[in-house]
Amino acid sequence: MSTIWERPICVHTRVILAVVNHATFEYVVLTPDKDIYVEVLDASNEDLVLFFPSGPQGGIPRGVSAPNVYSFAPMSPAELAVHMQTGRSVAEEELRSRGGGGDPGAGAGPLCGDEVWVLHDFIKGHKMGEAVAAPMVR
């Protein structure tokens, strides 16, 4: 049995919006086409061949050629906040559809409040890992 590789190799980017179940590697993801769905981000997912964690400050990973990356167009923080809220809603609905199964409490958290948000990606003027105020989305 041989492995069939996509030619040219194309690295499809994803933004993880919410956790459905850490134990089974299920996450709500956003694609560059603005699709939002639950995906298993693990080698057990036969649709995925390799994983490349992002480079410093969210850049292209070492060893990946920029022309081979199917990436996101620039996105404002407000647009990302809307996608994050949608992702949390998708995760909550997925957990509800399972009858409360999955990873209890790992669905959507509060939109704002006493929670601390930490930057996962680079935003100009901020550092990855920096604590930030949660945006208000109504």
N, C-alpha and C. Protein backbone atom coordinates (compact mmCIF):
# COMPACT_ATOMS: atom_id res chain seq x y z
N MET A 1 0.85 -1.17 0.00
CA MET A 1 0.00 0.00 0.00
C MET A 1 0.90 1.24 0.00
N SER A 2 0.62 2.17 -0.86
CA SER A 2 1.44 3.38 -0.93
C SER A 2 0.64 4.59 -0.49
N THR A 3 1.37 5.60 -0.06
CA THR A 3 0.76 6.85 0.35
C THR A 3 0.67 7.76 -0.86
N ILE A 4 -0.47 8.36 -1.07
CA ILE A 4 -0.65 9.31 -2.17
C ILE A 4 -0.56 10.70 -1.57
N TRP A 5 0.41 11.47 -2.01
CA TRP A 5 0.61 12.82 -1.51
C TRP A 5 0.00 13.82 -2.48
N GLU A 6 -0.62 14.83 -1.94
CA GLU A 6 -1.15 15.92 -2.74
C GLU A 6 0.03 16.63 -3.40
N ARG A 7 -0.03 16.87 -4.69
CA ARG A 7 1.05 17.56 -5.41
C ARG A 7 0.48 18.77 -6.11
N PRO A 8 1.04 19.92 -5.99
CA PRO A 8 2.10 20.19 -5.03
C PRO A 8 1.55 20.10 -3.61
N ILE A 9 2.44 19.88 -2.67
CA ILE A 9 2.03 19.78 -1.28
C ILE A 9 1.37 21.10 -0.88
N CYS A 10 0.22 20.99 -0.24
CA CYS A 10 -0.50 22.18 0.21
C CYS A 10 -0.77 22.06 1.70
N VAL A 11 -0.36 23.05 2.45
CA VAL A 11 -0.57 23.06 3.90
C VAL A 11 -1.81 23.92 4.17
N HIS A 12 -2.85 23.27 4.67
CA HIS A 12 -4.12 23.95 4.96
C HIS A 12 -4.11 24.46 6.40
N THR A 13 -4.29 25.76 6.57
CA THR A 13 -4.26 26.33 7.92
C THR A 13 -5.64 26.21 8.58
N ARG A 14 -5.61 26.19 9.90
CA ARG A 14 -6.82 26.15 10.71
C ARG A 14 -6.62 27.06 11.91
N VAL A 15 -7.69 27.71 12.34
CA VAL A 15 -7.70 28.42 13.61
C VAL A 15 -8.63 27.62 14.52
N ILE A 16 -8.13 27.22 15.68
CA ILE A 16 -8.96 26.49 16.63
C ILE A 16 -9.81 27.51 17.37
N LEU A 17 -11.13 27.35 17.25
CA LEU A 17 -12.06 28.29 17.86
C LEU A 17 -12.56 27.82 19.22
N ALA A 18 -12.69 26.51 19.40
CA ALA A 18 -13.24 25.98 20.65
C ALA A 18 -12.88 24.51 20.79
N VAL A 19 -12.95 24.04 22.01
CA VAL A 19 -12.69 22.63 22.33
C VAL A 19 -14.02 21.90 22.43
N VAL A 20 -14.12 20.76 21.76
CA VAL A 20 -15.27 19.88 21.94
C VAL A 20 -14.88 18.79 22.93
N ASN A 21 -13.72 18.15 22.69
CA ASN A 21 -13.25 17.09 23.57
C ASN A 21 -11.74 16.93 23.42
N HIS A 22 -10.99 17.36 24.43
CA HIS A 22 -9.53 17.22 24.38
C HIS A 22 -9.10 15.77 24.26
N ALA A 23 -9.79 14.87 24.95
CA ALA A 23 -9.39 13.46 24.99
C ALA A 23 -9.42 12.81 23.62
N THR A 24 -10.35 13.26 22.76
CA THR A 24 -10.46 12.69 21.42
C THR A 24 -9.97 13.66 20.34
N PHE A 25 -9.33 14.73 20.76
CA PHE A 25 -8.72 15.72 19.85
C PHE A 25 -9.75 16.39 18.94
N GLU A 26 -10.96 16.61 19.46
CA GLU A 26 -12.02 17.23 18.67
C GLU A 26 -12.10 18.72 18.99
N TYR A 27 -12.00 19.51 17.94
CA TYR A 27 -12.00 20.96 18.09
C TYR A 27 -12.88 21.59 17.01
N VAL A 28 -13.44 22.74 17.31
CA VAL A 28 -14.14 23.52 16.29
C VAL A 28 -13.07 24.37 15.62
N VAL A 29 -13.01 24.28 14.29
CA VAL A 29 -11.97 24.98 13.54
C VAL A 29 -12.59 25.96 12.54
N LEU A 30 -11.79 26.94 12.18
CA LEU A 30 -12.12 27.91 11.14
C LEU A 30 -11.13 27.70 10.02
N THR A 31 -11.63 27.62 8.78
CA THR A 31 -10.75 27.46 7.62
C THR A 31 -10.58 28.80 6.91
N PRO A 32 -9.60 28.90 6.01
CA PRO A 32 -9.43 30.15 5.26
C PRO A 32 -10.66 30.52 4.42
N ASP A 33 -11.50 29.52 4.09
CA ASP A 33 -12.73 29.78 3.34
C ASP A 33 -13.87 30.21 4.26
N LYS A 34 -13.57 30.38 5.55
CA LYS A 34 -14.54 30.79 6.58
C LYS A 34 -15.53 29.68 6.92
N ASP A 35 -15.18 28.43 6.62
CA ASP A 35 -15.99 27.30 7.06
C ASP A 35 -15.68 27.05 8.53
N ILE A 36 -16.69 26.68 9.29
CA ILE A 36 -16.53 26.37 10.71
C ILE A 36 -17.17 25.01 10.96
N TYR A 37 -16.39 24.09 11.52
CA TYR A 37 -16.89 22.75 11.79
C TYR A 37 -16.01 22.06 12.82
N VAL A 38 -16.50 20.90 13.31
CA VAL A 38 -15.74 20.09 14.26
C VAL A 38 -14.79 19.20 13.47
N GLU A 39 -13.52 19.19 13.88
CA GLU A 39 -12.52 18.36 13.20
C GLU A 39 -11.65 17.68 14.24
N VAL A 40 -11.27 16.44 13.96
CA VAL A 40 -10.34 15.71 14.81
C VAL A 40 -8.93 16.12 14.38
N LEU A 41 -8.20 16.77 15.26
CA LEU A 41 -6.85 17.24 14.95
C LEU A 41 -5.84 16.28 15.57
N ASP A 42 -5.73 15.12 14.93
CA ASP A 42 -4.87 14.06 15.42
C ASP A 42 -4.53 13.15 14.24
N ALA A 43 -3.46 12.39 14.39
CA ALA A 43 -3.04 11.46 13.33
C ALA A 43 -4.11 10.40 13.05
N SER A 44 -5.07 10.21 13.95
CA SER A 44 -6.15 9.26 13.71
C SER A 44 -7.11 9.74 12.61
N ASN A 45 -7.07 11.02 12.27
CA ASN A 45 -7.90 11.57 11.19
C ASN A 45 -7.20 11.29 9.87
N GLU A 46 -7.77 10.37 9.09
CA GLU A 46 -7.15 9.94 7.84
C GLU A 46 -7.07 11.05 6.79
N ASP A 47 -7.83 12.13 6.98
CA ASP A 47 -7.77 13.25 6.04
C ASP A 47 -6.52 14.10 6.23
N LEU A 48 -5.87 13.94 7.37
CA LEU A 48 -4.69 14.75 7.69
C LEU A 48 -3.44 13.89 7.61
N VAL A 49 -2.38 14.47 7.03
CA VAL A 49 -1.13 13.72 6.86
C VAL A 49 -0.10 14.14 7.89
N LEU A 50 0.12 15.44 8.05
CA LEU A 50 1.11 15.97 8.98
C LEU A 50 0.54 17.19 9.69
N PHE A 51 1.15 17.52 10.82
CA PHE A 51 0.79 18.73 11.55
C PHE A 51 2.01 19.62 11.64
N PHE A 52 1.81 20.91 11.42
CA PHE A 52 2.88 21.89 11.56
C PHE A 52 2.40 22.98 12.52
N PRO A 53 2.92 23.03 13.74
CA PRO A 53 2.55 24.14 14.61
C PRO A 53 3.06 25.45 14.02
N SER A 54 2.33 26.52 14.24
CA SER A 54 2.74 27.80 13.65
C SER A 54 4.09 28.24 14.19
N GLY A 55 4.75 29.06 13.40
CA GLY A 55 6.06 29.58 13.78
C GLY A 55 5.93 30.70 14.79
N PRO A 56 7.06 31.35 15.08
CA PRO A 56 7.04 32.46 16.04
C PRO A 56 6.02 33.53 15.64
N GLN A 57 5.28 34.01 16.60
CA GLN A 57 4.27 35.05 16.40
C GLN A 57 3.23 34.67 15.35
N GLY A 58 2.93 33.36 15.25
CA GLY A 58 1.90 32.90 14.34
C GLY A 58 2.35 32.78 12.90
N GLY A 59 3.64 32.88 12.66
CA GLY A 59 4.16 32.81 11.29
C GLY A 59 4.15 31.41 10.71
N ILE A 60 4.58 31.33 9.46
CA ILE A 60 4.66 30.06 8.75
C ILE A 60 5.70 29.18 9.44
N PRO A 61 5.37 27.91 9.68
CA PRO A 61 6.31 27.02 10.38
C PRO A 61 7.61 26.82 9.61
N ARG A 62 8.67 26.59 10.35
CA ARG A 62 9.97 26.28 9.75
C ARG A 62 9.82 25.04 8.86
N GLY A 63 10.41 25.10 7.69
CA GLY A 63 10.38 23.97 6.77
C GLY A 63 9.18 23.95 5.84
N VAL A 64 8.27 24.92 5.98
CA VAL A 64 7.11 25.00 5.11
C VAL A 64 7.30 26.18 4.17
N SER A 65 7.15 25.92 2.89
CA SER A 65 7.33 26.96 1.88
C SER A 65 6.07 27.83 1.80
N ALA A 66 6.22 29.14 1.88
CA ALA A 66 5.08 30.07 1.88
C ALA A 66 4.13 29.84 0.70
N PRO A 67 4.63 29.59 -0.53
CA PRO A 67 3.69 29.37 -1.63
C PRO A 67 2.83 28.11 -1.46
N ASN A 68 3.22 27.22 -0.55
CA ASN A 68 2.47 25.98 -0.34
C ASN A 68 1.43 26.10 0.77
N VAL A 69 1.28 27.28 1.35
CA VAL A 69 0.35 27.46 2.48
C VAL A 69 -0.96 28.06 1.98
N TYR A 70 -2.05 27.35 2.27
CA TYR A 70 -3.39 27.88 2.01
C TYR A 70 -3.80 28.57 3.30
N SER A 71 -3.63 29.88 3.34
CA SER A 71 -3.77 30.60 4.61
C SER A 71 -4.92 31.60 4.58
N PHE A 72 -5.07 32.28 5.70
CA PHE A 72 -6.14 33.24 5.88
C PHE A 72 -5.78 34.60 5.30
N ALA A 73 -6.79 35.29 4.80
CA ALA A 73 -6.64 36.69 4.44
C ALA A 73 -6.56 37.47 5.75
N PRO A 74 -6.02 38.68 5.73
CA PRO A 74 -5.98 39.47 6.97
C PRO A 74 -7.38 39.56 7.60
N MET A 75 -7.40 39.48 8.92
CA MET A 75 -8.66 39.48 9.66
C MET A 75 -8.53 40.45 10.84
N SER A 76 -9.54 41.27 11.02
CA SER A 76 -9.51 42.22 12.14
C SER A 76 -9.79 41.48 13.45
N PRO A 77 -9.36 42.05 14.57
CA PRO A 77 -9.68 41.44 15.87
C PRO A 77 -11.19 41.28 16.08
N ALA A 78 -11.98 42.23 15.59
CA ALA A 78 -13.43 42.14 15.74
C ALA A 78 -13.99 40.95 14.95
N GLU A 79 -13.47 40.75 13.73
CA GLU A 79 -13.92 39.62 12.91
C GLU A 79 -13.53 38.30 13.58
N LEU A 80 -12.32 38.23 14.11
CA LEU A 80 -11.88 37.02 14.81
C LEU A 80 -12.77 36.76 16.03
N ALA A 81 -13.14 37.82 16.76
CA ALA A 81 -14.01 37.66 17.93
C ALA A 81 -15.36 37.08 17.55
N VAL A 82 -15.90 37.50 16.41
CA VAL A 82 -17.18 36.96 15.93
C VAL A 82 -17.02 35.47 15.61
N HIS A 83 -15.92 35.11 14.93
CA HIS A 83 -15.68 33.69 14.61
C HIS A 83 -15.50 32.87 15.89
N MET A 84 -14.81 33.44 16.88
CA MET A 84 -14.61 32.73 18.15
C MET A 84 -15.95 32.46 18.83
N GLN A 85 -16.84 33.45 18.83
CA GLN A 85 -18.16 33.26 19.43
C GLN A 85 -18.94 32.20 18.67
N THR A 86 -18.89 32.24 17.35
CA THR A 86 -19.57 31.22 16.54
C THR A 86 -19.00 29.84 16.86
N GLY A 87 -17.68 29.75 16.98
CA GLY A 87 -17.05 28.47 17.32
C GLY A 87 -17.51 27.94 18.66
N ARG A 88 -17.63 28.81 19.64
CA ARG A 88 -18.12 28.38 20.96
C ARG A 88 -19.55 27.87 20.86
N SER A 89 -20.37 28.53 20.05
CA SER A 89 -21.76 28.09 19.86
C SER A 89 -21.81 26.73 19.18
N VAL A 90 -20.96 26.52 18.18
CA VAL A 90 -20.90 25.23 17.49
C VAL A 90 -20.47 24.13 18.47
N ALA A 91 -19.49 24.41 19.31
CA ALA A 91 -19.03 23.43 20.30
C ALA A 91 -20.15 23.10 21.28
N GLU A 92 -20.85 24.11 21.77
CA GLU A 92 -21.96 23.87 22.70
C GLU A 92 -23.04 23.02 22.05
N GLU A 93 -23.38 23.33 20.80
CA GLU A 93 -24.41 22.56 20.09
C GLU A 93 -23.95 21.12 19.88
N GLU A 94 -22.69 20.93 19.54
CA GLU A 94 -22.15 19.58 19.36
C GLU A 94 -22.25 18.79 20.66
N LEU A 95 -21.89 19.40 21.77
CA LEU A 95 -21.98 18.72 23.07
C LEU A 95 -23.44 18.43 23.44
N ARG A 96 -24.35 19.36 23.15
CA ARG A 96 -25.78 19.12 23.41
C ARG A 96 -26.29 17.95 22.57
N SER A 97 -25.87 17.90 21.30
CA SER A 97 -26.34 16.83 20.41
C SER A 97 -25.85 15.46 20.86
N ARG A 98 -24.79 15.44 21.65
CA ARG A 98 -24.26 14.18 22.18
C ARG A 98 -24.89 13.83 23.52
N GLY A 99 -25.84 14.62 23.93
CA GLY A 99 -26.51 14.35 25.20
C GLY A 99 -25.63 14.60 26.40
N GLY A 100 -24.80 15.63 26.29
CA GLY A 100 -23.93 15.98 27.41
C GLY A 100 -22.64 15.20 27.42
N GLY A 101 -22.40 14.40 26.37
CA GLY A 101 -21.16 13.64 26.28
C GLY A 101 -19.99 14.54 25.99
N GLY A 102 -18.90 13.97 25.66
CA GLY A 102 -17.70 14.76 25.36
C GLY A 102 -16.96 15.10 26.63
N ASP A 103 -16.28 16.19 26.61
CA ASP A 103 -15.45 16.62 27.73
C ASP A 103 -16.26 17.61 28.56
N PRO A 104 -16.85 17.20 29.68
CA PRO A 104 -17.71 18.10 30.44
C PRO A 104 -17.01 19.41 30.78
N GLY A 105 -17.69 20.49 30.49
CA GLY A 105 -17.15 21.80 30.82
C GLY A 105 -16.16 22.32 29.80
N ALA A 106 -15.87 21.56 28.76
CA ALA A 106 -14.88 22.01 27.79
C ALA A 106 -15.52 22.76 26.64
N GLY A 107 -16.84 22.91 26.65
CA GLY A 107 -17.50 23.65 25.60
C GLY A 107 -17.24 25.13 25.75
N ALA A 108 -18.13 25.90 25.23
CA ALA A 108 -17.93 27.34 25.23
C ALA A 108 -17.93 27.91 26.64
N GLY A 109 -17.00 28.76 26.87
CA GLY A 109 -16.93 29.47 28.13
C GLY A 109 -17.68 30.78 28.02
N PRO A 110 -17.67 31.57 29.05
CA PRO A 110 -18.37 32.85 28.99
C PRO A 110 -17.69 33.78 27.99
N LEU A 111 -18.51 34.63 27.37
CA LEU A 111 -17.97 35.56 26.40
C LEU A 111 -17.08 36.60 27.06
N CYS A 112 -17.42 36.99 28.25
CA CYS A 112 -16.59 37.93 28.98
C CYS A 112 -16.92 37.81 30.46
N GLY A 113 -16.26 38.52 31.27
CA GLY A 113 -16.49 38.45 32.70
C GLY A 113 -15.16 38.44 33.42
N ASP A 114 -15.06 37.61 34.45
CA ASP A 114 -13.82 37.54 35.22
C ASP A 114 -12.78 36.63 34.59
N GLU A 115 -13.12 36.01 33.46
CA GLU A 115 -12.18 35.11 32.80
C GLU A 115 -11.02 35.90 32.20
N VAL A 116 -9.89 35.25 32.06
CA VAL A 116 -8.72 35.87 31.44
C VAL A 116 -8.53 35.24 30.07
N TRP A 117 -8.39 36.06 29.05
CA TRP A 117 -8.11 35.57 27.71
C TRP A 117 -6.62 35.72 27.48
N VAL A 118 -6.06 34.77 26.76
CA VAL A 118 -4.63 34.79 26.45
C VAL A 118 -4.50 34.71 24.93
N LEU A 119 -3.68 35.59 24.37
CA LEU A 119 -3.49 35.60 22.92
C LEU A 119 -2.83 34.31 22.46
N HIS A 120 -3.45 33.68 21.46
CA HIS A 120 -2.90 32.46 20.87
C HIS A 120 -2.09 32.80 19.63
N ASP A 121 -2.48 33.84 18.93
CA ASP A 121 -1.81 34.25 17.70
C ASP A 121 -1.22 35.65 17.87
N PHE A 122 -0.36 35.99 16.95
CA PHE A 122 0.29 37.30 16.98
C PHE A 122 -0.70 38.37 16.52
N ILE A 123 -0.79 39.44 17.27
CA ILE A 123 -1.53 40.64 16.89
C ILE A 123 -0.57 41.79 17.10
N LYS A 124 -0.43 42.64 16.08
CA LYS A 124 0.53 43.74 16.16
C LYS A 124 0.34 44.53 17.45
N GLY A 125 1.43 44.76 18.14
CA GLY A 125 1.40 45.51 19.38
C GLY A 125 1.21 44.63 20.61
N HIS A 126 1.05 43.32 20.42
CA HIS A 126 0.86 42.39 21.53
C HIS A 126 1.78 41.18 21.34
N LYS A 127 1.98 40.44 22.41
CA LYS A 127 2.80 39.24 22.35
C LYS A 127 1.91 38.01 22.51
N MET A 128 2.30 36.91 21.86
CA MET A 128 1.59 35.66 22.06
C MET A 128 1.71 35.28 23.53
N GLY A 129 0.62 34.83 24.13
CA GLY A 129 0.62 34.46 25.53
C GLY A 129 0.24 35.60 26.46
N GLU A 130 0.10 36.80 25.91
CA GLU A 130 -0.26 37.97 26.72
C GLU A 130 -1.73 37.90 27.13
N ALA A 131 -2.02 38.22 28.39
CA ALA A 131 -3.40 38.28 28.86
C ALA A 131 -4.05 39.53 28.29
N VAL A 132 -5.27 39.38 27.76
CA VAL A 132 -5.99 40.51 27.15
C VAL A 132 -7.42 40.53 27.67
N ALA A 133 -8.07 41.68 27.53
CA ALA A 133 -9.48 41.81 27.92
C ALA A 133 -10.35 41.12 26.88
N ALA A 134 -11.38 40.42 27.34
CA ALA A 134 -12.30 39.74 26.43
C ALA A 134 -13.16 40.77 25.71
N PRO A 135 -13.34 40.61 24.37
CA PRO A 135 -14.16 41.57 23.63
C PRO A 135 -15.64 41.38 23.96
N MET A 136 -16.38 42.45 23.90
CA MET A 136 -17.83 42.40 24.10
C MET A 136 -18.47 42.22 22.74
N VAL A 137 -19.18 41.12 22.53
CA VAL A 137 -19.88 40.86 21.27
C VAL A 137 -21.35 40.65 21.61
N ARG A 138 -22.18 41.37 20.94
CA ARG A 138 -23.63 41.22 21.20
C ARG A 138 -24.33 40.87 19.94
